[in-house]
C-alpha atoms as a PDB file:
ATOM      1  CA  MET A   1     -13.132  -0.509  -4.923  1.00  0.00           C
ATOM      2  CA  LYS A   2     -11.966  -3.579  -6.860  1.00  0.00           C
ATOM      3  CA  ARG A   3      -9.524  -1.475  -8.899  1.00  0.00           C
ATOM      4  CA  ALA A   4      -8.325   0.308  -5.739  1.00  0.00           C
ATOM      5  CA  ARG A   5      -7.674  -3.029  -3.988  1.00  0.00           C
ATOM      6  CA  ALA A   6      -5.709  -4.279  -6.999  1.00  0.00           C
ATOM      7  CA  ILE A   7      -3.481  -1.196  -6.954  1.00  0.00           C
ATOM      8  CA  ALA A   8      -3.087  -1.097  -3.155  1.00  0.00           C
ATOM      9  CA  GLY A   9      -2.291  -4.811  -3.072  1.00  0.00           C
ATOM     10  CA  ARG A  10       0.891  -4.101  -5.033  1.00  0.00           C
ATOM     11  CA  TYR A  11       2.119  -1.333  -2.713  1.00  0.00           C
ATOM     12  CA  ARG A  12       5.129  -2.034  -0.537  1.00  0.00           C
ATOM     13  CA  LEU A  13       4.823  -1.985   3.223  1.00  0.00           C
ATOM     14  CA  THR A  14       7.183  -1.080   6.015  1.00  0.00           C
ATOM     15  CA  LEU A  15       6.426  -3.259   9.038  1.00  0.00           C
ATOM     16  CA  TRP A  16       7.693  -3.094  12.587  1.00  0.00           C
ATOM     17  CA  ARG A  17       6.878  -4.568  15.955  1.00  0.00           C
ATOM     18  CA  GLU A  18       6.770  -2.554  19.127  1.00  0.00           C
ATOM     19  CA  ASP A  19       5.720  -3.696  22.598  1.00  0.00           C
ATOM     20  CA  GLY A  20       4.209  -6.896  21.183  1.00  0.00           C
ATOM     21  CA  HIS A  21       2.055  -5.064  18.606  1.00  0.00           C
ATOM     22  CA  TRP A  22       2.579  -4.878  14.828  1.00  0.00           C
ATOM     23  CA  TYR A  23       2.512  -1.623  12.837  1.00  0.00           C
ATOM     24  CA  ALA A  24       2.760  -0.910   9.113  1.00  0.00           C
ATOM     25  CA  VAL A  25       2.870   2.022   6.744  1.00  0.00           C
ATOM     26  CA  GLY A  26       2.482   2.072   2.983  1.00  0.00           C
ATOM     27  CA  VAL A  27       5.702   3.044   1.217  1.00  0.00           C
ATOM     28  CA  GLU A  28       3.913   4.634  -1.753  1.00  0.00           C
ATOM     29  CA  GLU A  29       1.313   6.272   0.524  1.00  0.00           C
ATOM     30  CA  PRO A  30       3.332   7.107   3.674  1.00  0.00           C
ATOM     31  CA  GLY A  31       0.378   8.724   5.427  1.00  0.00           C
ATOM     32  CA  THR A  32      -1.538   5.430   5.473  1.00  0.00           C
ATOM     33  CA  TYR A  33      -0.965   3.242   8.524  1.00  0.00           C
ATOM     34  CA  GLY A  34      -2.288   0.002   9.941  1.00  0.00           C
ATOM     35  CA  ASP A  35      -1.779  -2.078  13.044  1.00  0.00           C
ATOM     36  CA  GLY A  36      -2.693  -5.388  14.607  1.00  0.00           C
ATOM     37  CA  ARG A  37      -1.930  -7.855  17.355  1.00  0.00           C
ATOM     38  CA  THR A  38      -0.567 -10.271  14.746  1.00  0.00           C
ATOM     39  CA  LEU A  39       1.384  -9.711  11.555  1.00  0.00           C
ATOM     40  CA  VAL A  40      -1.549 -11.009   9.479  1.00  0.00           C
ATOM     41  CA  GLN A  41      -4.000  -8.629  11.171  1.00  0.00           C
ATOM     42  CA  CYS A  42      -1.615  -5.733  10.655  1.00  0.00           C
ATOM     43  CA  VAL A  43      -1.099  -6.426   6.950  1.00  0.00           C
ATOM     44  CA  ARG A  44      -4.856  -6.818   6.432  1.00  0.00           C
ATOM     45  CA  ASP A  45      -5.495  -3.538   8.255  1.00  0.00           C
ATOM     46  CA  VAL A  46      -2.951  -1.520   6.291  1.00  0.00           C
ATOM     47  CA  ARG A  47      -4.060  -3.051   2.963  1.00  0.00           C
ATOM     48  CA  ASP A  48      -7.666  -2.053   3.735  1.00  0.00           C
ATOM     49  CA  ALA A  49      -6.529   1.473   4.605  1.00  0.00           C
ATOM     50  CA  LEU A  50      -4.452   1.702   1.416  1.00  0.00           C
ATOM     51  CA  ALA A  51      -7.390   0.491  -0.685  1.00  0.00           C
ATOM     52  CA  ALA A  52      -9.609   3.169   0.880  1.00  0.00           C
ATOM     53  CA  THR A  53      -6.982   5.825   0.143  1.00  0.00           C
ATOM     54  CA  VAL A  54      -6.624   4.732  -3.492  1.00  0.00           C
ATOM     55  CA  ALA A  55     -10.417   4.501  -3.920  1.00  0.00           C
ATOM     56  CA  TYR A  56     -10.748   8.080  -2.674  1.00  0.00           C
ATOM     57  CA  LEU A  57      -8.093   9.261  -5.125  1.00  0.00           C
ATOM     58  CA  ILE A  58      -9.795   7.482  -8.023  1.00  0.00           C
ATOM     59  CA  GLU A  59     -13.242   8.806  -7.095  1.00  0.00           C
ATOM     60  CA  THR A  60     -11.988  12.388  -6.838  1.00  0.00           C
ATOM     61  CA  GLY A  61     -10.104  12.241 -10.142  1.00  0.00           C
ATOM     62  CA  GLN A  62      -6.667  12.372  -8.570  1.00  0.00           C
ATOM     63  CA  PRO A  63      -3.891  10.073  -9.762  1.00  0.00           C
ATOM     64  CA  ALA A  64      -3.066   7.071  -7.601  1.00  0.00           C
ATOM     65  CA  VAL A  65       0.628   6.448  -7.039  1.00  0.00           C
ATOM     66  CA  THR A  66       1.962   3.710  -9.320  1.00  0.00           C
ATOM     67  CA  PRO A  67       3.237   0.794  -7.213  1.00  0.00           C
ATOM     68  CA  LEU A  68       7.034   0.852  -6.984  1.00  0.00           C
ATOM     69  CA  ILE A  69       7.271  -2.674  -8.368  1.00  0.00           C
ATOM     70  CA  ASP A  70       5.574  -1.493 -11.573  1.00  0.00           C
ATOM     71  CA  GLN A  71       7.839   1.556 -11.771  1.00  0.00           C
ATOM     72  CA  GLU A  72      10.935  -0.663 -11.421  1.00  0.00           C
ATOM     73  CA  ARG A  73       9.760  -3.073 -14.112  1.00  0.00           C
ATOM     74  CA  GLY A  74       9.199  -0.177 -16.503  1.00  0.00           C
ATOM     75  CA  ARG A  75      12.732   1.098 -15.927  1.00  0.00           C
ATOM     76  CA  ARG A  76      14.252  -2.330 -16.478  1.00  0.00           C
ATOM     77  CA  ARG A  77      12.392  -2.799 -19.763  1.00  0.00           C
ATOM     78  CA  ARG A  78      13.476   0.581 -21.106  1.00  0.00           C
ATOM     79  CA  ALA A  79      17.076   0.101 -20.039  1.00  0.00           C
ATOM     80  CA  GLY A  80      17.350  -3.325 -21.734  1.00  0.00           C
END
């Protein structure tokens, strides 16, 4: 779970507020959502859900999506 949290913690989030409630979805894992009454609760909820998703992928031998920030850094290094 530690490795899954490290990976999921680098995923980008899309956040929005609707009717006084916060919602979020992982950009790299668009089927993983979270919500909360506050922005902090929402981010915590979606990060926990993302970590669970990544942990499942790791445990079942499936590849976890590389965080976009790591993909972008790799492209910049190769291009330079």
